[in-house]
Amino acid sequence: FEIKQMLSNFKINSFYAVLLHDSKKLKKDDY
């Protein structure tokens, strides 16, 4: 939902890349 909203705000169809942010202390299920 958030990504589609940002794409709409930028008036584009897709992002070049998405990066996982704040990856400290993640568990297997998170990855």
ModelCIF file with pLDDT and N, C-alpha, C, O atoms, coordinates in Angstrom:
data_MODEL
#
_entry.id   MODEL 
#
_entity.id                         1 
_entity.type                       polymer 
_entity.pdbx_number_of_molecules   1 
#
_entity_poly.entity_id                      1 
_entity_poly.type                           'polypeptide(L)' 
_entity_poly.nstd_linkage                   no 
_entity_poly.nstd_monomer                   no 
_entity_poly.pdbx_seq_one_letter_code       FEIKQMLSNFKINSFYAVLLHDSKKLKKDDY 
_entity_poly.pdbx_seq_one_letter_code_can   FEIKQMLSNFKINSFYAVLLHDSKKLKKDDY 
_entity_poly.pdbx_strand_id                 A 
#
loop_
_entity_poly_seq.entity_id 
_entity_poly_seq.num 
_entity_poly_seq.mon_id 
_entity_poly_seq.hetero 
1 1  PHE n 
1 2  GLU n 
1 3  ILE n 
1 4  LYS n 
1 5  GLN n 
1 6  MET n 
1 7  LEU n 
1 8  SER n 
1 9  ASN n 
1 10 PHE n 
1 11 LYS n 
1 12 ILE n 
1 13 ASN n 
1 14 SER n 
1 15 PHE n 
1 16 TYR n 
1 17 ALA n 
1 18 VAL n 
1 19 LEU n 
1 20 LEU n 
1 21 HIS n 
1 22 ASP n 
1 23 SER n 
1 24 LYS n 
1 25 LYS n 
1 26 LEU n 
1 27 LYS n 
1 28 LYS n 
1 29 ASP n 
1 30 ASP n 
1 31 TYR n 
#
_struct_asym.id          A 
_struct_asym.entity_id   1 
#
loop_
_ma_qa_metric.id 
_ma_qa_metric.mode 
_ma_qa_metric.name 
_ma_qa_metric.software_group_id 
_ma_qa_metric.type 
1 global pLDDT . pLDDT 
2 local  pLDDT . pLDDT 
#
_ma_qa_metric_global.metric_id      1 
_ma_qa_metric_global.metric_value   95.13 
_ma_qa_metric_global.model_id       1 
_ma_qa_metric_global.ordinal_id     1 
#
loop_
_ma_qa_metric_local.label_asym_id 
_ma_qa_metric_local.label_comp_id 
_ma_qa_metric_local.label_seq_id 
_ma_qa_metric_local.metric_id 
_ma_qa_metric_local.metric_value 
_ma_qa_metric_local.model_id 
_ma_qa_metric_local.ordinal_id 
A PHE 1  2 97.00 1 1  
A GLU 2  2 96.00 1 2  
A ILE 3  2 97.00 1 3  
A LYS 4  2 98.00 1 4  
A GLN 5  2 97.00 1 5  
A MET 6  2 97.00 1 6  
A LEU 7  2 98.00 1 7  
A SER 8  2 98.00 1 8  
A ASN 9  2 97.00 1 9  
A PHE 10 2 98.00 1 10 
A LYS 11 2 98.00 1 11 
A ILE 12 2 98.00 1 12 
A ASN 13 2 97.00 1 13 
A SER 14 2 98.00 1 14 
A PHE 15 2 98.00 1 15 
A TYR 16 2 98.00 1 16 
A ALA 17 2 98.00 1 17 
A VAL 18 2 98.00 1 18 
A LEU 19 2 98.00 1 19 
A LEU 20 2 97.00 1 20 
A HIS 21 2 92.00 1 21 
A ASP 22 2 84.00 1 22 
A SER 23 2 85.00 1 23 
A LYS 24 2 85.00 1 24 
A LYS 25 2 86.00 1 25 
A LEU 26 2 93.00 1 26 
A LYS 27 2 93.00 1 27 
A LYS 28 2 95.00 1 28 
A ASP 29 2 94.00 1 29 
A ASP 30 2 95.00 1 30 
A TYR 31 2 96.00 1 31 
#
loop_
_atom_site.group_PDB 
_atom_site.id 
_atom_site.type_symbol 
_atom_site.label_atom_id 
_atom_site.label_alt_id 
_atom_site.label_comp_id 
_atom_site.label_asym_id 
_atom_site.label_entity_id 
_atom_site.label_seq_id 
_atom_site.pdbx_PDB_ins_code 
_atom_site.Cartn_x 
_atom_site.Cartn_y 
_atom_site.Cartn_z 
_atom_site.occupancy 
_atom_site.B_iso_or_equiv 
_atom_site.pdbx_formal_charge 
_atom_site.auth_seq_id 
_atom_site.auth_comp_id 
_atom_site.auth_asym_id 
_atom_site.auth_atom_id 
_atom_site.pdbx_PDB_model_num 
ATOM 1   N N  . PHE A 1 1  ? 0.839  -1.209  0.000   1.00 97.00 ? 1  PHE A N  1 
ATOM 2   C CA . PHE A 1 1  ? 0.000  0.000   0.000   1.00 97.00 ? 1  PHE A CA 1 
ATOM 3   C C  . PHE A 1 1  ? 0.870  1.254   0.000   1.00 97.00 ? 1  PHE A C  1 
ATOM 4   O O  . PHE A 1 1  ? 0.640  2.171   -0.789  1.00 97.00 ? 1  PHE A O  1 
ATOM 5   N N  . GLU A 1 2  ? 1.873  1.297   0.888   1.00 96.00 ? 2  GLU A N  1 
ATOM 6   C CA . GLU A 1 2  ? 2.759  2.471   0.993   1.00 96.00 ? 2  GLU A CA 1 
ATOM 7   C C  . GLU A 1 2  ? 3.542  2.674   -0.297  1.00 96.00 ? 2  GLU A C  1 
ATOM 8   O O  . GLU A 1 2  ? 3.684  3.801   -0.771  1.00 96.00 ? 2  GLU A O  1 
ATOM 9   N N  . ILE A 1 3  ? 4.048  1.587   -0.862  1.00 97.00 ? 3  ILE A N  1 
ATOM 10  C CA . ILE A 1 3  ? 4.845  1.678   -2.083  1.00 97.00 ? 3  ILE A CA 1 
ATOM 11  C C  . ILE A 1 3  ? 4.001  2.176   -3.247  1.00 97.00 ? 3  ILE A C  1 
ATOM 12  O O  . ILE A 1 3  ? 4.454  3.013   -4.027  1.00 97.00 ? 3  ILE A O  1 
ATOM 13  N N  . LYS A 1 4  ? 2.783  1.672   -3.370  1.00 98.00 ? 4  LYS A N  1 
ATOM 14  C CA . LYS A 1 4  ? 1.885  2.139   -4.442  1.00 98.00 ? 4  LYS A CA 1 
ATOM 15  C C  . LYS A 1 4  ? 1.561  3.620   -4.281  1.00 98.00 ? 4  LYS A C  1 
ATOM 16  O O  . LYS A 1 4  ? 1.458  4.358   -5.261  1.00 98.00 ? 4  LYS A O  1 
ATOM 17  N N  . GLN A 1 5  ? 1.403  4.040   -3.029  1.00 97.00 ? 5  GLN A N  1 
ATOM 18  C CA . GLN A 1 5  ? 1.104  5.445   -2.767  1.00 97.00 ? 5  GLN A CA 1 
ATOM 19  C C  . GLN A 1 5  ? 2.270  6.333   -3.184  1.00 97.00 ? 5  GLN A C  1 
ATOM 20  O O  . GLN A 1 5  ? 2.070  7.401   -3.763  1.00 97.00 ? 5  GLN A O  1 
ATOM 21  N N  . MET A 1 6  ? 3.487  5.887   -2.887  1.00 97.00 ? 6  MET A N  1 
ATOM 22  C CA . MET A 1 6  ? 4.663  6.663   -3.274  1.00 97.00 ? 6  MET A CA 1 
ATOM 23  C C  . MET A 1 6  ? 4.835  6.694   -4.789  1.00 97.00 ? 6  MET A C  1 
ATOM 24  O O  . MET A 1 6  ? 5.180  7.728   -5.360  1.00 97.00 ? 6  MET A O  1 
ATOM 25  N N  . LEU A 1 7  ? 4.595  5.569   -5.432  1.00 98.00 ? 7  LEU A N  1 
ATOM 26  C CA . LEU A 1 7  ? 4.673  5.531   -6.897  1.00 98.00 ? 7  LEU A CA 1 
ATOM 27  C C  . LEU A 1 7  ? 3.694  6.529   -7.506  1.00 98.00 ? 7  LEU A C  1 
ATOM 28  O O  . LEU A 1 7  ? 4.010  7.218   -8.476  1.00 98.00 ? 7  LEU A O  1 
ATOM 29  N N  . SER A 1 8  ? 2.508  6.592   -6.922  1.00 98.00 ? 8  SER A N  1 
ATOM 30  C CA . SER A 1 8  ? 1.500  7.538   -7.402  1.00 98.00 ? 8  SER A CA 1 
ATOM 31  C C  . SER A 1 8  ? 1.956  8.976   -7.196  1.00 98.00 ? 8  SER A C  1 
ATOM 32  O O  . SER A 1 8  ? 1.777  9.823   -8.072  1.00 98.00 ? 8  SER A O  1 
ATOM 33  N N  . ASN A 1 9  ? 2.547  9.248   -6.032  1.00 97.00 ? 9  ASN A N  1 
ATOM 34  C CA . ASN A 1 9  ? 3.030  10.597  -5.746  1.00 97.00 ? 9  ASN A CA 1 
ATOM 35  C C  . ASN A 1 9  ? 4.147  11.018  -6.697  1.00 97.00 ? 9  ASN A C  1 
ATOM 36  O O  . ASN A 1 9  ? 4.249  12.186  -7.071  1.00 97.00 ? 9  ASN A O  1 
ATOM 37  N N  . PHE A 1 10 ? 4.980  10.059  -7.081  1.00 98.00 ? 10 PHE A N  1 
ATOM 38  C CA . PHE A 1 10 ? 6.087  10.344  -8.003  1.00 98.00 ? 10 PHE A CA 1 
ATOM 39  C C  . PHE A 1 10 ? 5.652  10.292  -9.466  1.00 98.00 ? 10 PHE A C  1 
ATOM 40  O O  . PHE A 1 10 ? 6.394  10.701  -10.359 1.00 98.00 ? 10 PHE A O  1 
ATOM 41  N N  . LYS A 1 11 ? 4.432  9.781   -9.704  1.00 98.00 ? 11 LYS A N  1 
ATOM 42  C CA . LYS A 1 11 ? 3.909  9.603   -11.064 1.00 98.00 ? 11 LYS A CA 1 
ATOM 43  C C  . LYS A 1 11 ? 4.795  8.666   -11.883 1.00 98.00 ? 11 LYS A C  1 
ATOM 44  O O  . LYS A 1 11 ? 5.135  8.953   -13.031 1.00 98.00 ? 11 LYS A O  1 
ATOM 45  N N  . ILE A 1 12 ? 5.164  7.532   -11.263 1.00 98.00 ? 12 ILE A N  1 
ATOM 46  C CA . ILE A 1 12 ? 5.968  6.520   -11.938 1.00 98.00 ? 12 ILE A CA 1 
ATOM 47  C C  . ILE A 1 12 ? 5.312  5.152   -11.747 1.00 98.00 ? 12 ILE A C  1 
ATOM 48  O O  . ILE A 1 12 ? 4.394  4.998   -10.941 1.00 98.00 ? 12 ILE A O  1 
ATOM 49  N N  . ASN A 1 13 ? 5.798  4.162   -12.503 1.00 97.00 ? 13 ASN A N  1 
ATOM 50  C CA . ASN A 1 13 ? 5.199  2.833   -12.448 1.00 97.00 ? 13 ASN A CA 1 
ATOM 51  C C  . ASN A 1 13 ? 5.958  1.857   -11.552 1.00 97.00 ? 13 ASN A C  1 
ATOM 52  O O  . ASN A 1 13 ? 5.379  0.900   -11.037 1.00 97.00 ? 13 ASN A O  1 
ATOM 53  N N  . SER A 1 14 ? 7.258  2.102   -11.368 1.00 98.00 ? 14 SER A N  1 
ATOM 54  C CA . SER A 1 14 ? 8.043  1.168   -10.563 1.00 98.00 ? 14 SER A CA 1 
ATOM 55  C C  . SER A 1 14 ? 9.272  1.860   -9.990  1.00 98.00 ? 14 SER A C  1 
ATOM 56  O O  . SER A 1 14 ? 9.725  2.888   -10.492 1.00 98.00 ? 14 SER A O  1 
ATOM 57  N N  . PHE A 1 15 ? 9.794  1.266   -8.926  1.00 98.00 ? 15 PHE A N  1 
ATOM 58  C CA . PHE A 1 15 ? 11.041 1.746   -8.337  1.00 98.00 ? 15 PHE A CA 1 
ATOM 59  C C  . PHE A 1 15 ? 12.215 0.960   -8.911  1.00 98.00 ? 15 PHE A C  1 
ATOM 60  O O  . PHE A 1 15 ? 12.080 -0.203  -9.292  1.00 98.00 ? 15 PHE A O  1 
ATOM 61  N N  . TYR A 1 16 ? 13.356 1.615   -8.963  1.00 98.00 ? 16 TYR A N  1 
ATOM 62  C CA . TYR A 1 16 ? 14.570 0.922   -9.419  1.00 98.00 ? 16 TYR A CA 1 
ATOM 63  C C  . TYR A 1 16 ? 14.930 -0.187  -8.436  1.00 98.00 ? 16 TYR A C  1 
ATOM 64  O O  . TYR A 1 16 ? 15.321 -1.282  -8.839  1.00 98.00 ? 16 TYR A O  1 
ATOM 65  N N  . ALA A 1 17 ? 14.796 0.109   -7.130  1.00 98.00 ? 17 ALA A N  1 
ATOM 66  C CA . ALA A 1 17 ? 15.132 -0.902  -6.123  1.00 98.00 ? 17 ALA A CA 1 
ATOM 67  C C  . ALA A 1 17 ? 14.455 -0.589  -4.803  1.00 98.00 ? 17 ALA A C  1 
ATOM 68  O O  . ALA A 1 17 ? 14.139 0.562   -4.501  1.00 98.00 ? 17 ALA A O  1 
ATOM 69  N N  . VAL A 1 18 ? 14.238 -1.640  -4.022  1.00 98.00 ? 18 VAL A N  1 
ATOM 70  C CA . VAL A 1 18 ? 13.756 -1.491  -2.655  1.00 98.00 ? 18 VAL A CA 1 
ATOM 71  C C  . VAL A 1 18 ? 14.822 -2.066  -1.732  1.00 98.00 ? 18 VAL A C  1 
ATOM 72  O O  . VAL A 1 18 ? 15.348 -3.150  -1.983  1.00 98.00 ? 18 VAL A O  1 
ATOM 73  N N  . LEU A 1 19 ? 15.143 -1.332  -0.653  1.00 98.00 ? 19 LEU A N  1 
ATOM 74  C CA . LEU A 1 19 ? 16.157 -1.770  0.299   1.00 98.00 ? 19 LEU A CA 1 
ATOM 75  C C  . LEU A 1 19 ? 15.523 -1.994  1.659   1.00 98.00 ? 19 LEU A C  1 
ATOM 76  O O  . LEU A 1 19 ? 14.697 -1.203  2.114   1.00 98.00 ? 19 LEU A O  1 
ATOM 77  N N  . LEU A 1 20 ? 15.918 -3.077  2.298   1.00 97.00 ? 20 LEU A N  1 
ATOM 78  C CA . LEU A 1 20 ? 15.489 -3.340  3.666   1.00 97.00 ? 20 LEU A CA 1 
ATOM 79  C C  . LEU A 1 20 ? 16.241 -2.411  4.599   1.00 97.00 ? 20 LEU A C  1 
ATOM 80  O O  . LEU A 1 20 ? 17.472 -2.399  4.615   1.00 97.00 ? 20 LEU A O  1 
ATOM 81  N N  . HIS A 1 21 ? 15.503 -1.634  5.376   1.00 92.00 ? 21 HIS A N  1 
ATOM 82  C CA . HIS A 1 21 ? 16.094 -0.665  6.295   1.00 92.00 ? 21 HIS A CA 1 
ATOM 83  C C  . HIS A 1 21 ? 15.963 -1.183  7.727   1.00 92.00 ? 21 HIS A C  1 
ATOM 84  O O  . HIS A 1 21 ? 15.061 -1.962  8.034   1.00 92.00 ? 21 HIS A O  1 
ATOM 85  N N  . ASP A 1 22 ? 16.864 -0.747  8.591   1.00 84.00 ? 22 ASP A N  1 
ATOM 86  C CA . ASP A 1 22 ? 16.798 -1.117  10.002  1.00 84.00 ? 22 ASP A CA 1 
ATOM 87  C C  . ASP A 1 22 ? 16.793 -2.637  10.160  1.00 84.00 ? 22 ASP A C  1 
ATOM 88  O O  . ASP A 1 22 ? 15.812 -3.223  10.618  1.00 84.00 ? 22 ASP A O  1 
ATOM 89  N N  . SER A 1 23 ? 17.902 -3.261  9.775   1.00 85.00 ? 23 SER A N  1 
ATOM 90  C CA . SER A 1 23 ? 17.964 -4.722  9.772   1.00 85.00 ? 23 SER A CA 1 
ATOM 91  C C  . SER A 1 23 ? 18.677 -5.302  10.994  1.00 85.00 ? 23 SER A C  1 
ATOM 92  O O  . SER A 1 23 ? 19.106 -6.456  10.972  1.00 85.00 ? 23 SER A O  1 
ATOM 93  N N  . LYS A 1 24 ? 18.804 -4.515  12.049  1.00 85.00 ? 24 LYS A N  1 
ATOM 94  C CA . LYS A 1 24 ? 19.446 -5.017  13.254  1.00 85.00 ? 24 LYS A CA 1 
ATOM 95  C C  . LYS A 1 24 ? 18.535 -5.993  13.984  1.00 85.00 ? 24 LYS A C  1 
ATOM 96  O O  . LYS A 1 24 ? 17.321 -5.802  14.058  1.00 85.00 ? 24 LYS A O  1 
ATOM 97  N N  . LYS A 1 25 ? 19.145 -7.036  14.517  1.00 86.00 ? 25 LYS A N  1 
ATOM 98  C CA . LYS A 1 25 ? 18.454 -8.003  15.388  1.00 86.00 ? 25 LYS A CA 1 
ATOM 99  C C  . LYS A 1 25 ? 17.222 -8.620  14.739  1.00 86.00 ? 25 LYS A C  1 
ATOM 100 O O  . LYS A 1 25 ? 16.208 -8.839  15.402  1.00 86.00 ? 25 LYS A O  1 
ATOM 101 N N  . LEU A 1 26 ? 17.312 -8.895  13.461  1.00 93.00 ? 26 LEU A N  1 
ATOM 102 C CA . LEU A 1 26 ? 16.201 -9.561  12.799  1.00 93.00 ? 26 LEU A CA 1 
ATOM 103 C C  . LEU A 1 26 ? 16.305 -11.078 12.986  1.00 93.00 ? 26 LEU A C  1 
ATOM 104 O O  . LEU A 1 26 ? 17.392 -11.623 13.179  1.00 93.00 ? 26 LEU A O  1 
ATOM 105 N N  . LYS A 1 27 ? 15.161 -11.737 12.925  1.00 93.00 ? 27 LYS A N  1 
ATOM 106 C CA . LYS A 1 27 ? 15.115 -13.188 13.023  1.00 93.00 ? 27 LYS A CA 1 
ATOM 107 C C  . LYS A 1 27 ? 14.901 -13.783 11.631  1.00 93.00 ? 27 LYS A C  1 
ATOM 108 O O  . LYS A 1 27 ? 14.598 -13.073 10.673  1.00 93.00 ? 27 LYS A O  1 
ATOM 109 N N  . LYS A 1 28 ? 15.061 -15.075 11.547  1.00 95.00 ? 28 LYS A N  1 
ATOM 110 C CA . LYS A 1 28 ? 14.911 -15.767 10.269  1.00 95.00 ? 28 LYS A CA 1 
ATOM 111 C C  . LYS A 1 28 ? 13.593 -15.419 9.594   1.00 95.00 ? 28 LYS A C  1 
ATOM 112 O O  . LYS A 1 28 ? 13.557 -15.138 8.396   1.00 95.00 ? 28 LYS A O  1 
ATOM 113 N N  . ASP A 1 29 ? 12.519 -15.439 10.360  1.00 94.00 ? 29 ASP A N  1 
ATOM 114 C CA . ASP A 1 29 ? 11.195 -15.164 9.790   1.00 94.00 ? 29 ASP A CA 1 
ATOM 115 C C  . ASP A 1 29 ? 11.106 -13.758 9.209   1.00 94.00 ? 29 ASP A C  1 
ATOM 116 O O  . ASP A 1 29 ? 10.382 -13.532 8.239   1.00 94.00 ? 29 ASP A O  1 
ATOM 117 N N  . ASP A 1 30 ? 11.841 -12.805 9.797   1.00 95.00 ? 30 ASP A N  1 
ATOM 118 C CA . ASP A 1 30 ? 11.834 -11.431 9.293   1.00 95.00 ? 30 ASP A CA 1 
ATOM 119 C C  . ASP A 1 30 ? 12.465 -11.366 7.904   1.00 95.00 ? 30 ASP A C  1 
ATOM 120 O O  . ASP A 1 30 ? 11.925 -10.741 6.991   1.00 95.00 ? 30 ASP A O  1 
ATOM 121 N N  . TYR A 1 31 ? 13.615 -12.020 7.760   1.00 96.00 ? 31 TYR A N  1 
ATOM 122 C CA . TYR A 1 31 ? 14.288 -12.042 6.456   1.00 96.00 ? 31 TYR A CA 1 
ATOM 123 C C  . TYR A 1 31 ? 13.404 -12.715 5.407   1.00 96.00 ? 31 TYR A C  1 
ATOM 124 O O  . TYR A 1 31 ? 13.800 -12.828 4.247   1.00 96.00 ? 31 TYR A O  1 
#
